[in-house]
Structures are given as C-alpha cells and as structure tokens.
C-alpha cells in the first residue's frame, strides 16, 4: 500500500488500482470544525486536479481536489451524517472516496510522506 500527498493537502492511499482519497490532518486543522461534506456520485469520472468534493466548516467552504484521474467506485456516505469524522480521524474513518485509477503514473507527481512533511515546514 502506498500513500501519497498533494500540495493541496489531499492524501491518496493506493491498494492495487484503487486509491482512497481524503484530506490530511493539516487540512482538517486549518478548516476547523467540519459541518458538511458533499461527495461525488459513484461512477463519476474525476480529472487530476479537478474538484472532487466540497467541505464546509465553521470557517469556510473548500473544494477537495482529486490528486489523480479516475472513476469514483465508492464514497464514504457516513460523512454526510457525521461530517465531524473528518476532524476526528481524517486518515482513517474520515476518508472521502475511493477511485479506480485511470493513470497510475500520476502518483509519481505526488509527494511521499517525508516530502509532504518537508513541504509542511515551508508553510
């Protein structure tokens, strides 16, 4: 299993040809208390860097961008009822969607854990 990060603070945890996408702990801290999550529909085709979901917090609404291109195969519908899960466990139960990768080579453009931690130090 591989985990990669975007500079927009999304993560993707890849197992085979499916990636689980969510926002990082840094992102959920920056957003504050999440009060609403709008997820894409299953079957939707996502483009790398395109809008994949929307998160609303007490501070603002933000887009969640897809770190890769692919087709949504599953969404975490529990987030619609309990959006605070994004704050409580962003890398675990707070995942947003699972995407079947259409271009796995796009993962090479993302940051690994060490590079993402170094990137955070520059913010």
Protein backbone atom coordinates (compact mmCIF):
# COMPACT_ATOMS: atom_id res chain seq x y z
CA UNK A 1 0.00 0.00 0.00
CA UNK A 2 1.31 3.41 -0.98
CA UNK A 3 0.30 6.79 0.48
CA UNK A 4 0.93 9.98 -1.47
CA UNK A 5 0.06 13.61 -0.78
CA UNK A 6 -0.81 16.64 -2.86
CA UNK A 7 0.29 20.16 -2.07
CA UNK A 8 -3.44 20.92 -1.71
CA UNK A 9 -3.38 18.64 1.36
CA UNK A 10 -5.26 15.66 -0.02
CA UNK A 11 -3.93 12.16 0.52
CA UNK A 12 -4.41 9.04 -1.55
CA UNK A 13 -3.81 5.58 -0.11
CA UNK A 14 -3.36 3.18 -3.01
CA UNK A 15 -4.07 -0.53 -2.85
CA UNK A 16 -3.84 -2.20 -6.26
CA UNK A 17 -5.57 0.05 -8.80
CA UNK A 18 -7.89 1.75 -6.29
CA UNK A 19 -6.99 4.82 -4.24
CA UNK A 20 -8.72 6.06 -1.11
CA UNK A 21 -8.80 9.88 -1.03
CA UNK A 22 -9.23 12.22 1.92
CA UNK A 23 -7.81 15.39 3.39
CA UNK A 24 -4.76 15.47 5.63
CA UNK A 25 -4.63 16.24 9.33
CA UNK A 26 -3.10 19.62 8.43
CA UNK A 27 -6.09 20.42 6.20
CA UNK A 28 -8.71 19.46 8.77
CA UNK A 29 -6.90 21.57 11.39
CA UNK A 30 -6.85 24.54 9.03
CA UNK A 31 -10.55 24.15 8.24
CA UNK A 32 -11.73 23.89 11.82
CA UNK A 33 -14.93 22.06 12.71
CA UNK A 34 -16.32 20.38 9.58
CA UNK A 35 -20.11 20.73 9.42
CA UNK A 36 -20.93 19.47 5.90
CA UNK A 37 -19.36 17.26 3.24
CA UNK A 38 -20.57 16.99 -0.36
CA UNK A 39 -19.29 13.86 -2.03
CA UNK A 40 -19.23 12.93 -5.73
CA UNK A 41 -21.55 10.26 -7.05
CA UNK A 42 -20.32 6.74 -7.66
CA UNK A 43 -19.38 6.38 -11.32
CA UNK A 44 -18.28 9.99 -11.71
CA UNK A 45 -15.05 10.48 -13.65
CA UNK A 46 -12.53 12.71 -11.92
CA UNK A 47 -9.66 14.56 -13.54
CA UNK A 48 -6.40 15.09 -11.72
CA UNK A 49 -6.58 18.48 -10.01
CA UNK A 50 -10.32 18.77 -10.63
CA UNK A 51 -12.92 19.33 -7.96
CA UNK A 52 -13.92 16.07 -6.32
CA UNK A 53 -15.83 17.11 -3.20
CA UNK A 54 -16.75 20.11 -1.06
CA UNK A 55 -16.11 20.55 2.65
CA UNK A 56 -17.81 23.21 4.73
CA UNK A 57 -16.53 24.14 8.14
CA UNK A 58 -17.38 26.81 10.65
CA UNK A 59 -14.69 28.92 8.96
CA UNK A 60 -15.28 28.41 5.22
CA UNK A 61 -16.22 26.13 2.37
CA UNK A 62 -13.39 24.49 0.45
CA UNK A 63 -13.06 22.27 -2.57
CA UNK A 64 -11.33 18.92 -2.31
CA UNK A 65 -9.32 18.27 -5.46
CA UNK A 66 -8.66 14.86 -6.88
CA UNK A 67 -4.93 14.06 -6.72
CA UNK A 68 -5.34 11.60 -9.62
CA UNK A 69 -7.61 10.86 -12.55
CA UNK A 70 -10.08 8.03 -12.28
CA UNK A 71 -13.60 6.83 -11.65
CA UNK A 72 -15.32 7.01 -8.26
CA UNK A 73 -16.11 3.45 -7.15
CA UNK A 74 -17.23 4.15 -3.57
CA UNK A 75 -17.97 7.14 -1.33
CA UNK A 76 -17.96 7.40 2.44
CA UNK A 77 -21.64 8.23 2.83
CA UNK A 78 -21.31 8.17 6.63
CA UNK A 79 -19.65 11.59 6.34
CA UNK A 80 -22.94 13.13 5.27
CA UNK A 81 -24.47 12.17 8.64
CA UNK A 82 -21.35 12.68 10.74
CA UNK A 83 -19.06 15.21 9.00
CA UNK A 84 -17.07 15.70 12.22
CA UNK A 85 -15.43 12.34 11.47
CA UNK A 86 -13.18 14.30 9.09
CA UNK A 87 -11.78 16.18 12.12
CA UNK A 88 -11.62 13.14 14.38
CA UNK A 89 -9.92 10.65 12.03
CA UNK A 90 -9.00 12.25 8.67
CA UNK A 91 -6.67 9.46 7.58
CA UNK A 92 -8.93 6.66 8.81
CA UNK A 93 -12.71 6.76 9.08
CA UNK A 94 -12.78 10.27 7.58
CA UNK A 95 -11.90 9.19 4.04
CA UNK A 96 -13.99 10.73 1.25
CA UNK A 97 -13.99 8.44 -1.78
CA UNK A 98 -12.35 5.50 -3.49
CA UNK A 99 -11.23 5.98 -7.06
CA UNK A 100 -10.17 3.43 -9.66
CA UNK A 101 -7.03 4.96 -11.12
CA UNK A 102 -7.08 5.61 -14.85
CA UNK A 103 -3.47 6.82 -15.00
CA UNK A 104 -1.41 5.25 -12.18
CA UNK A 105 1.71 7.11 -13.34
CA UNK A 106 0.12 10.31 -11.94
CA UNK A 107 1.06 9.03 -8.48
CA UNK A 108 4.67 9.84 -9.34
CA UNK A 109 3.77 13.55 -9.35
CA UNK A 110 2.61 13.43 -5.71
CA UNK A 111 4.67 13.71 -2.52
CA UNK A 112 5.68 10.81 -0.33
CA UNK A 113 5.37 11.11 3.47
CA UNK A 114 8.84 12.60 4.01
CA UNK A 115 8.44 15.12 1.18
CA UNK A 116 4.99 16.14 2.46
CA UNK A 117 6.35 16.68 5.98
CA UNK A 118 9.15 18.83 4.50
CA UNK A 119 6.54 20.76 2.50
CA UNK A 120 4.55 21.48 5.68
CA UNK A 121 7.64 23.03 7.25
CA UNK A 122 7.67 25.64 4.48
CA UNK A 123 4.13 26.85 5.25
